[in-house]
PDB file of all heavy atoms in Angstrom:
ATOM      1  N   THR A   1       0.821  -1.214   0.000  1.00  0.00           N
ATOM      2  CA  THR A   1       0.000   0.000   0.000  1.00  0.00           C
ATOM      3  C   THR A   1       0.855   1.263   0.000  1.00  0.00           C
ATOM      4  O   THR A   1       0.507   2.260   0.585  1.00  0.00           O
ATOM      5  CB  THR A   1      -0.918   0.009   1.234  1.00  0.00           C
ATOM      6  OG1 THR A   1      -0.099  -0.064   2.422  1.00  0.00           O
ATOM      7  CG2 THR A   1      -1.878  -1.162   1.211  1.00  0.00           C
ATOM      8  N   GLY A   2       2.006   1.211  -0.651  1.00  0.00           N
ATOM      9  CA  GLY A   2       2.858   2.385  -0.711  1.00  0.00           C
ATOM     10  C   GLY A   2       3.810   2.522   0.447  1.00  0.00           C
ATOM     11  O   GLY A   2       4.580   3.482   0.491  1.00  0.00           O
ATOM     12  N   GLN A   3       3.766   1.611   1.414  1.00  0.00           N
ATOM     13  CA  GLN A   3       4.666   1.667   2.559  1.00  0.00           C
ATOM     14  C   GLN A   3       5.901   0.792   2.360  1.00  0.00           C
ATOM     15  O   GLN A   3       6.680   0.609   3.290  1.00  0.00           O
ATOM     16  CB  GLN A   3       3.930   1.231   3.828  1.00  0.00           C
ATOM     17  CG  GLN A   3       2.690   2.051   4.146  1.00  0.00           C
ATOM     18  CD  GLN A   3       3.012   3.513   4.403  1.00  0.00           C
ATOM     19  OE1 GLN A   3       3.831   3.830   5.251  1.00  0.00           O
ATOM     20  NE2 GLN A   3       2.367   4.398   3.664  1.00  0.00           N
ATOM     21  N   VAL A   4       6.071   0.257   1.160  1.00  0.00           N
ATOM     22  CA  VAL A   4       7.206  -0.612   0.850  1.00  0.00           C
ATOM     23  C   VAL A   4       7.927  -0.049  -0.373  1.00  0.00           C
ATOM     24  O   VAL A   4       7.305   0.279  -1.386  1.00  0.00           O
ATOM     25  CB  VAL A   4       6.760  -2.065   0.577  1.00  0.00           C
ATOM     26  CG1 VAL A   4       7.956  -2.923   0.186  1.00  0.00           C
ATOM     27  CG2 VAL A   4       6.063  -2.646   1.801  1.00  0.00           C
ATOM     28  N   VAL A   5       9.255   0.094  -0.261  1.00  0.00           N
ATOM     29  CA  VAL A   5      10.087   0.530  -1.374  1.00  0.00           C
ATOM     30  C   VAL A   5      11.147  -0.548  -1.589  1.00  0.00           C
ATOM     31  O   VAL A   5      11.891  -0.889  -0.669  1.00  0.00           O
ATOM     32  CB  VAL A   5      10.755   1.891  -1.090  1.00  0.00           C
ATOM     33  CG1 VAL A   5      11.662   2.285  -2.244  1.00  0.00           C
ATOM     34  CG2 VAL A   5       9.705   2.962  -0.850  1.00  0.00           C
ATOM     35  N   ARG A   6      11.206  -1.043  -2.822  1.00  0.00           N
ATOM     36  CA  ARG A   6      12.124  -2.131  -3.144  1.00  0.00           C
ATOM     37  C   ARG A   6      13.040  -1.701  -4.287  1.00  0.00           C
ATOM     38  O   ARG A   6      12.573  -1.183  -5.304  1.00  0.00           O
ATOM     39  CB  ARG A   6      11.334  -3.381  -3.552  1.00  0.00           C
ATOM     40  CG  ARG A   6      12.197  -4.585  -3.963  1.00  0.00           C
ATOM     41  CD  ARG A   6      11.302  -5.737  -4.392  1.00  0.00           C
ATOM     42  NE  ARG A   6      12.068  -6.857  -4.906  1.00  0.00           N
ATOM     43  CZ  ARG A   6      12.566  -7.832  -4.158  1.00  0.00           C
ATOM     44  NH1 ARG A   6      12.373  -7.807  -2.847  1.00  0.00           N
ATOM     45  NH2 ARG A   6      13.242  -8.821  -4.697  1.00  0.00           N
ATOM     46  N   TYR A   7      14.350  -1.917  -4.096  1.00  0.00           N
ATOM     47  CA  TYR A   7      15.330  -1.570  -5.113  1.00  0.00           C
ATOM     48  C   TYR A   7      16.034  -2.831  -5.592  1.00  0.00           C
ATOM     49  O   TYR A   7      16.361  -3.713  -4.789  1.00  0.00           O
ATOM     50  CB  TYR A   7      16.372  -0.596  -4.558  1.00  0.00           C
ATOM     51  CG  TYR A   7      15.816   0.779  -4.243  1.00  0.00           C
ATOM     52  CD1 TYR A   7      15.599   1.184  -2.928  1.00  0.00           C
ATOM     53  CD2 TYR A   7      15.516   1.675  -5.266  1.00  0.00           C
ATOM     54  CE1 TYR A   7      15.103   2.444  -2.640  1.00  0.00           C
ATOM     55  CE2 TYR A   7      15.008   2.937  -4.986  1.00  0.00           C
ATOM     56  CZ  TYR A   7      14.803   3.310  -3.671  1.00  0.00           C
ATOM     57  OH  TYR A   7      14.305   4.557  -3.401  1.00  0.00           O
ATOM     58  N   GLU A   8      16.302  -2.892  -6.919  1.00  0.00           N
ATOM     59  CA  GLU A   8      16.971  -4.051  -7.503  1.00  0.00           C
ATOM     60  C   GLU A   8      18.057  -3.581  -8.466  1.00  0.00           C
ATOM     61  O   GLU A   8      17.905  -2.545  -9.138  1.00  0.00           O
ATOM     62  CB  GLU A   8      15.969  -4.933  -8.253  1.00  0.00           C
ATOM     63  CG  GLU A   8      14.889  -5.537  -7.364  1.00  0.00           C
ATOM     64  CD  GLU A   8      13.874  -6.338  -8.163  1.00  0.00           C
ATOM     65  OE1 GLU A   8      13.858  -6.173  -9.413  1.00  0.00           O
ATOM     66  OE2 GLU A   8      13.111  -7.120  -7.560  1.00  0.00           O
ATOM     67  N   ALA A   9      19.160  -4.335  -8.516  1.00  0.00           N
ATOM     68  CA  ALA A   9      20.257  -4.005  -9.426  1.00  0.00           C
ATOM     69  C   ALA A   9      21.120  -5.242  -9.627  1.00  0.00           C
ATOM     70  O   ALA A   9      21.073  -6.194  -8.830  1.00  0.00           O
ATOM     71  CB  ALA A   9      21.091  -2.854  -8.879  1.00  0.00           C
ATOM     72  N   MET A  10      21.914  -5.221 -10.690  1.00  0.00           N
ATOM     73  CA  MET A  10      22.933  -6.239 -10.918  1.00  0.00           C
ATOM     74  C   MET A  10      24.270  -5.666 -10.485  1.00  0.00           C
ATOM     75  O   MET A  10      24.701  -4.616 -10.977  1.00  0.00           O
ATOM     76  CB  MET A  10      22.977  -6.642 -12.391  1.00  0.00           C
ATOM     77  CG  MET A  10      21.729  -7.370 -12.876  1.00  0.00           C
ATOM     78  SD  MET A  10      21.476  -8.959 -12.047  1.00  0.00           S
ATOM     79  CE  MET A  10      22.923  -9.864 -12.620  1.00  0.00           C
ATOM     80  N   VAL A  11      24.926  -6.341  -9.558  1.00  0.00           N
ATOM     81  CA  VAL A  11      26.199  -5.883  -9.011  1.00  0.00           C
ATOM     82  C   VAL A  11      27.216  -7.000  -9.168  1.00  0.00           C
ATOM     83  O   VAL A  11      27.060  -8.074  -8.572  1.00  0.00           O
ATOM     84  CB  VAL A  11      26.065  -5.471  -7.531  1.00  0.00           C
ATOM     85  CG1 VAL A  11      27.412  -5.028  -6.968  1.00  0.00           C
ATOM     86  CG2 VAL A  11      25.033  -4.358  -7.382  1.00  0.00           C
ATOM     87  N   ARG A  12      28.234  -6.766  -9.970  1.00  0.00           N
ATOM     88  CA  ARG A  12      29.264  -7.762 -10.240  1.00  0.00           C
ATOM     89  C   ARG A  12      28.653  -9.087 -10.695  1.00  0.00           C
ATOM     90  O   ARG A  12      29.049 -10.168 -10.276  1.00  0.00           O
ATOM     91  CB  ARG A  12      30.143  -7.987  -9.016  1.00  0.00           C
ATOM     92  CG  ARG A  12      30.923  -6.774  -8.555  1.00  0.00           C
ATOM     93  CD  ARG A  12      32.003  -6.390  -9.572  1.00  0.00           C
ATOM     94  NE  ARG A  12      32.912  -5.408  -8.994  1.00  0.00           N
ATOM     95  CZ  ARG A  12      32.752  -4.098  -9.056  1.00  0.00           C
ATOM     96  NH1 ARG A  12      31.692  -3.598  -9.707  1.00  0.00           N
ATOM     97  NH2 ARG A  12      33.628  -3.285  -8.510  1.00  0.00           N
ATOM     98  N   GLY A  13      27.632  -8.986 -11.541  1.00  0.00           N
ATOM     99  CA  GLY A  13      26.994 -10.176 -12.074  1.00  0.00           C
ATOM    100  C   GLY A  13      26.041 -10.864 -11.126  1.00  0.00           C
ATOM    101  O   GLY A  13      25.541 -11.955 -11.445  1.00  0.00           O
ATOM    102  N   ARG A  14      25.760 -10.255  -9.965  1.00  0.00           N
ATOM    103  CA  ARG A  14      24.837 -10.858  -9.001  1.00  0.00           C
ATOM    104  C   ARG A  14      23.637  -9.939  -8.798  1.00  0.00           C
ATOM    105  O   ARG A  14      23.786  -8.720  -8.704  1.00  0.00           O
ATOM    106  CB  ARG A  14      25.530 -11.090  -7.653  1.00  0.00           C
ATOM    107  CG  ARG A  14      26.694 -12.074  -7.699  1.00  0.00           C
ATOM    108  CD  ARG A  14      27.258 -12.289  -6.293  1.00  0.00           C
ATOM    109  NE  ARG A  14      28.326 -13.272  -6.297  1.00  0.00           N
ATOM    110  CZ  ARG A  14      29.615 -12.991  -6.448  1.00  0.00           C
ATOM    111  NH1 ARG A  14      29.982 -11.717  -6.589  1.00  0.00           N
ATOM    112  NH2 ARG A  14      30.524 -13.949  -6.442  1.00  0.00           N
ATOM    113  N   ALA A  15      22.460 -10.533  -8.723  1.00  0.00           N
ATOM    114  CA  ALA A  15      21.243  -9.762  -8.471  1.00  0.00           C
ATOM    115  C   ALA A  15      21.199  -9.361  -6.999  1.00  0.00           C
ATOM    116  O   ALA A  15      21.332 -10.201  -6.113  1.00  0.00           O
ATOM    117  CB  ALA A  15      20.003 -10.582  -8.833  1.00  0.00           C
ATOM    118  N   LEU A  16      21.029  -8.081  -6.757  1.00  0.00           N
ATOM    119  CA  LEU A  16      20.987  -7.556  -5.393  1.00  0.00           C
ATOM    120  C   LEU A  16      19.703  -6.767  -5.207  1.00  0.00           C
ATOM    121  O   LEU A  16      19.317  -5.976  -6.082  1.00  0.00           O
ATOM    122  CB  LEU A  16      22.207  -6.669  -5.128  1.00  0.00           C
ATOM    123  CG  LEU A  16      22.413  -6.149  -3.701  1.00  0.00           C
ATOM    124  CD1 LEU A  16      23.894  -5.920  -3.418  1.00  0.00           C
ATOM    125  CD2 LEU A  16      21.666  -4.831  -3.476  1.00  0.00           C
ATOM    126  N   SER A  17      19.053  -6.956  -4.084  1.00  0.00           N
ATOM    127  CA  SER A  17      17.836  -6.201  -3.779  1.00  0.00           C
ATOM    128  C   SER A  17      17.904  -5.690  -2.346  1.00  0.00           C
ATOM    129  O   SER A  17      18.445  -6.362  -1.458  1.00  0.00           O
ATOM    130  CB  SER A  17      16.586  -7.064  -3.969  1.00  0.00           C
ATOM    131  OG  SER A  17      16.540  -8.106  -3.011  1.00  0.00           O
ATOM    132  N   ILE A  18      17.365  -4.489  -2.140  1.00  0.00           N
ATOM    133  CA  ILE A  18      17.252  -3.883  -0.811  1.00  0.00           C
ATOM    134  C   ILE A  18      15.823  -3.376  -0.682  1.00  0.00           C
ATOM    135  O   ILE A  18      15.345  -2.602  -1.524  1.00  0.00           O
ATOM    136  CB  ILE A  18      18.256  -2.740  -0.615  1.00  0.00           C
ATOM    137  CG1 ILE A  18      19.693  -3.289  -0.644  1.00  0.00           C
ATOM    138  CG2 ILE A  18      18.003  -2.021   0.709  1.00  0.00           C
ATOM    139  CD1 ILE A  18      20.758  -2.225  -0.495  1.00  0.00           C
ATOM    140  N   THR A  19      15.136  -3.831   0.361  1.00  0.00           N
ATOM    141  CA  THR A  19      13.716  -3.534   0.537  1.00  0.00           C
ATOM    142  C   THR A  19      13.491  -2.814   1.859  1.00  0.00           C
ATOM    143  O   THR A  19      13.990  -3.253   2.906  1.00  0.00           O
ATOM    144  CB  THR A  19      12.878  -4.824   0.521  1.00  0.00           C
ATOM    145  OG1 THR A  19      13.142  -5.534  -0.697  1.00  0.00           O
ATOM    146  CG2 THR A  19      11.391  -4.510   0.620  1.00  0.00           C
ATOM    147  N   TYR A  20      12.752  -1.713   1.804  1.00  0.00           N
ATOM    148  CA  TYR A  20      12.368  -0.946   2.999  1.00  0.00           C
ATOM    149  C   TYR A  20      10.876  -1.155   3.250  1.00  0.00           C
ATOM    150  O   TYR A  20      10.059  -0.995   2.340  1.00  0.00           O
ATOM    151  CB  TYR A  20      12.621   0.547   2.792  1.00  0.00           C
ATOM    152  CG  TYR A  20      14.078   0.942   2.660  1.00  0.00           C
ATOM    153  CD1 TYR A  20      14.679   0.996   1.400  1.00  0.00           C
ATOM    154  CD2 TYR A  20      14.828   1.301   3.768  1.00  0.00           C
ATOM    155  CE1 TYR A  20      16.003   1.376   1.261  1.00  0.00           C
ATOM    156  CE2 TYR A  20      16.161   1.687   3.641  1.00  0.00           C
ATOM    157  CZ  TYR A  20      16.739   1.726   2.391  1.00  0.00           C
ATOM    158  OH  TYR A  20      18.047   2.111   2.255  1.00  0.00           O
ATOM    159  N   ARG A  21      10.536  -1.474   4.480  1.00  0.00           N
ATOM    160  CA  ARG A  21       9.127  -1.562   4.894  1.00  0.00           C
ATOM    161  C   ARG A  21       8.919  -0.568   6.037  1.00  0.00           C
ATOM    162  O   ARG A  21       9.445  -0.756   7.138  1.00  0.00           O
ATOM    163  CB  ARG A  21       8.771  -2.982   5.332  1.00  0.00           C
ATOM    164  CG  ARG A  21       8.863  -4.002   4.204  1.00  0.00           C
ATOM    165  CD  ARG A  21       8.430  -5.395   4.639  1.00  0.00           C
ATOM    166  NE  ARG A  21       8.549  -6.333   3.546  1.00  0.00           N
ATOM    167  CZ  ARG A  21       7.613  -6.545   2.618  1.00  0.00           C
ATOM    168  NH1 ARG A  21       6.463  -5.879   2.692  1.00  0.00           N
ATOM    169  NH2 ARG A  21       7.811  -7.410   1.633  1.00  0.00           N
ATOM    170  N   PHE A  22       8.165   0.475   5.783  1.00  0.00           N
ATOM    171  CA  PHE A  22       7.950   1.550   6.746  1.00  0.00           C
ATOM    172  C   PHE A  22       6.710   1.236   7.576  1.00  0.00           C
ATOM    173  O   PHE A  22       5.615   1.035   7.031  1.00  0.00           O
ATOM    174  CB  PHE A  22       7.790   2.883   6.019  1.00  0.00           C
ATOM    175  CG  PHE A  22       8.996   3.254   5.190  1.00  0.00           C
ATOM    176  CD1 PHE A  22       9.098   2.840   3.863  1.00  0.00           C
ATOM    177  CD2 PHE A  22      10.028   3.985   5.742  1.00  0.00           C
ATOM    178  CE1 PHE A  22      10.208   3.174   3.099  1.00  0.00           C
ATOM    179  CE2 PHE A  22      11.144   4.318   4.986  1.00  0.00           C
ATOM    180  CZ  PHE A  22      11.226   3.909   3.669  1.00  0.00           C
ATOM    181  N   LEU A  23       6.878   1.210   8.877  1.00  0.00           N
ATOM    182  CA  LEU A  23       5.794   0.836   9.776  1.00  0.00           C
ATOM    183  C   LEU A  23       4.986   2.067  10.156  1.00  0.00           C
ATOM    184  O   LEU A  23       5.551   3.089  10.569  1.00  0.00           O
ATOM    185  CB  LEU A  23       6.348   0.167  11.031  1.00  0.00           C
ATOM    186  CG  LEU A  23       7.252  -1.050  10.794  1.00  0.00           C
ATOM    187  CD1 LEU A  23       7.660  -1.666  12.119  1.00  0.00           C
ATOM    188  CD2 LEU A  23       6.556  -2.078   9.925  1.00  0.00           C
ATOM    189  N   PRO A  24       3.658   2.015  10.029  1.00  0.00           N
ATOM    190  CA  PRO A  24       2.833   3.176  10.384  1.00  0.00           C
ATOM    191  C   PRO A  24       2.850   3.427  11.886  1.00  0.00           C
ATOM    192  O   PRO A  24       3.088   2.522  12.686  1.00  0.00           O
ATOM    193  CB  PRO A  24       1.432   2.767   9.897  1.00  0.00           C
ATOM    194  CG  PRO A  24       1.446   1.276   9.885  1.00  0.00           C
ATOM    195  CD  PRO A  24       2.848   0.874   9.543  1.00  0.00           C
ATOM    196  N   ASP A  25       2.575   4.681  12.257  1.00  0.00           N
ATOM    197  CA  ASP A  25       2.541   5.095  13.668  1.00  0.00           C
ATOM    198  C   ASP A  25       3.815   4.704  14.398  1.00  0.00           C
ATOM    199  O   ASP A  25       3.793   4.276  15.556  1.00  0.00           O
ATOM    200  CB  ASP A  25       1.324   4.488  14.387  1.00  0.00           C
ATOM    201  CG  ASP A  25       0.025   5.001  13.806  1.00  0.00           C
ATOM    202  OD1 ASP A  25      -0.026   6.168  13.411  1.00  0.00           O
ATOM    203  OD2 ASP A  25      -0.935   4.218  13.731  1.00  0.00           O
ATOM    204  N   SER A  26       4.940   4.823  13.712  1.00  0.00           N
ATOM    205  CA  SER A  26       6.204   4.408  14.302  1.00  0.00           C
ATOM    206  C   SER A  26       7.338   5.101  13.573  1.00  0.00           C
ATOM    207  O   SER A  26       7.174   5.591  12.451  1.00  0.00           O
ATOM    208  CB  SER A  26       6.377   2.891  14.216  1.00  0.00           C
ATOM    209  OG  SER A  26       7.643   2.499  14.697  1.00  0.00           O
ATOM    210  N   TYR A  27       8.485   5.162  14.213  1.00  0.00           N
ATOM    211  CA  TYR A  27       9.695   5.658  13.573  1.00  0.00           C
ATOM    212  C   TYR A  27      10.567   4.498  13.106  1.00  0.00           C
ATOM    213  O   TYR A  27      11.753   4.674  12.860  1.00  0.00           O
ATOM    214  CB  TYR A  27      10.492   6.532  14.553  1.00  0.00           C
ATOM    215  CG  TYR A  27       9.749   7.760  15.024  1.00  0.00           C
ATOM    216  CD1 TYR A  27       9.114   7.788  16.260  1.00  0.00           C
ATOM    217  CD2 TYR A  27       9.671   8.887  14.221  1.00  0.00           C
ATOM    218  CE1 TYR A  27       8.432   8.907  16.686  1.00  0.00           C
ATOM    219  CE2 TYR A  27       8.983  10.019  14.633  1.00  0.00           C
ATOM    220  CZ  TYR A  27       8.363  10.024  15.873  1.00  0.00           C
ATOM    221  OH  TYR A  27       7.676  11.140  16.294  1.00  0.00           O
ATOM    222  N   ARG A  28       9.973   3.339  12.954  1.00  0.00           N
ATOM    223  CA  ARG A  28      10.710   2.130  12.623  1.00  0.00           C
ATOM    224  C   ARG A  28      10.596   1.802  11.138  1.00  0.00           C
ATOM    225  O   ARG A  28       9.577   2.051  10.499  1.00  0.00           O
ATOM    226  CB  ARG A  28      10.203   0.940  13.438  1.00  0.00           C
ATOM    227  CG  ARG A  28      10.434   1.049  14.929  1.00  0.00           C
ATOM    228  CD  ARG A  28       9.686  -0.029  15.675  1.00  0.00           C
ATOM    229  NE  ARG A  28       9.974  -1.364  15.137  1.00  0.00           N
ATOM    230  CZ  ARG A  28       9.270  -2.447  15.437  1.00  0.00           C
ATOM    231  NH1 ARG A  28       8.228  -2.350  16.245  1.00  0.00           N
ATOM    232  NH2 ARG A  28       9.596  -3.604  14.928  1.00  0.00           N
ATOM    233  N   VAL A  29      11.677   1.196  10.629  1.00  0.00           N
ATOM    234  CA  VAL A  29      11.720   0.720   9.251  1.00  0.00           C
ATOM    235  C   VAL A  29      12.380  -0.648   9.264  1.00  0.00           C
ATOM    236  O   VAL A  29      13.452  -0.817   9.860  1.00  0.00           O
ATOM    237  CB  VAL A  29      12.524   1.671   8.337  1.00  0.00           C
ATOM    238  CG1 VAL A  29      12.440   1.210   6.888  1.00  0.00           C
ATOM    239  CG2 VAL A  29      12.052   3.110   8.486  1.00  0.00           C
ATOM    240  N   ASN A  30      11.749  -1.621   8.640  1.00  0.00           N
ATOM    241  CA  ASN A  30      12.360  -2.942   8.481  1.00  0.00           C
ATOM    242  C   ASN A  30      13.072  -2.988   7.128  1.00  0.00           C
ATOM    243  O   ASN A  30      12.493  -2.659   6.094  1.00  0.00           O
ATOM    244  CB  ASN A  30      11.301  -4.044   8.547  1.00  0.00           C
ATOM    245  CG  ASN A  30      10.718  -4.198   9.941  1.00  0.00           C
ATOM    246  OD1 ASN A  30      11.344  -3.826  10.928  1.00  0.00           O
ATOM    247  ND2 ASN A  30       9.519  -4.742  10.026  1.00  0.00           N
ATOM    248  N   VAL A  31      14.329  -3.398   7.149  1.00  0.00           N
ATOM    249  CA  VAL A  31      15.146  -3.427   5.946  1.00  0.00           C
ATOM    250  C   VAL A  31      15.633  -4.849   5.708  1.00  0.00           C
ATOM    251  O   VAL A  31      16.044  -5.540   6.653  1.00  0.00           O
ATOM    252  CB  VAL A  31      16.358  -2.474   6.058  1.00  0.00           C
ATOM    253  CG1 VAL A  31      17.149  -2.450   4.756  1.00  0.00           C
ATOM    254  CG2 VAL A  31      15.898  -1.068   6.431  1.00  0.00           C
ATOM    255  N   ALA A  32      15.567  -5.290   4.459  1.00  0.00           N
ATOM    256  CA  ALA A  32      16.059  -6.618   4.078  1.00  0.00           C
ATOM    257  C   ALA A  32      16.900  -6.479   2.822  1.00  0.00           C
ATOM    258  O   ALA A  32      16.530  -5.771   1.884  1.00  0.00           O
ATOM    259  CB  ALA A  32      14.894  -7.578   3.835  1.00  0.00           C
ATOM    260  N   ALA A  33      18.059  -7.144   2.810  1.00  0.00           N
ATOM    261  CA  ALA A  33      18.940  -7.156   1.645  1.00  0.00           C
ATOM    262  C   ALA A  33      19.182  -8.599   1.229  1.00  0.00           C
ATOM    263  O   ALA A  33      19.330  -9.482   2.080  1.00  0.00           O
ATOM    264  CB  ALA A  33      20.265  -6.460   1.956  1.00  0.00           C
ATOM    265  N   ALA A  34      19.216  -8.847  -0.065  1.00  0.00           N
ATOM    266  CA  ALA A  34      19.451 -10.193  -0.590  1.00  0.00           C
ATOM    267  C   ALA A  34      20.394 -10.106  -1.773  1.00  0.00           C
ATOM    268  O   ALA A  34      20.246  -9.227  -2.633  1.00  0.00           O
ATOM    269  CB  ALA A  34      18.129 -10.847  -1.003  1.00  0.00           C
ATOM    270  N   VAL A  35      21.383 -11.014  -1.801  1.00  0.00           N
ATOM    271  CA  VAL A  35      22.357 -11.079  -2.885  1.00  0.00           C
ATOM    272  C   VAL A  35      22.320 -12.488  -3.470  1.00  0.00           C
ATOM    273  O   VAL A  35      22.591 -13.468  -2.761  1.00  0.00           O
ATOM    274  CB  VAL A  35      23.777 -10.750  -2.390  1.00  0.00           C
ATOM    275  CG1 VAL A  35      24.762 -10.793  -3.552  1.00  0.00           C
ATOM    276  CG2 VAL A  35      23.803  -9.386  -1.708  1.00  0.00           C
TER     277      VAL A  35
END
């Protein structure tokens, strides 16, 4: 619902993603990275 931002790229021939999940009513953000 617009509270998730996901980035993807190829880095040195490997697929890399970094995802932000912003929690409502909070100053918290959950971040996940995958290579």
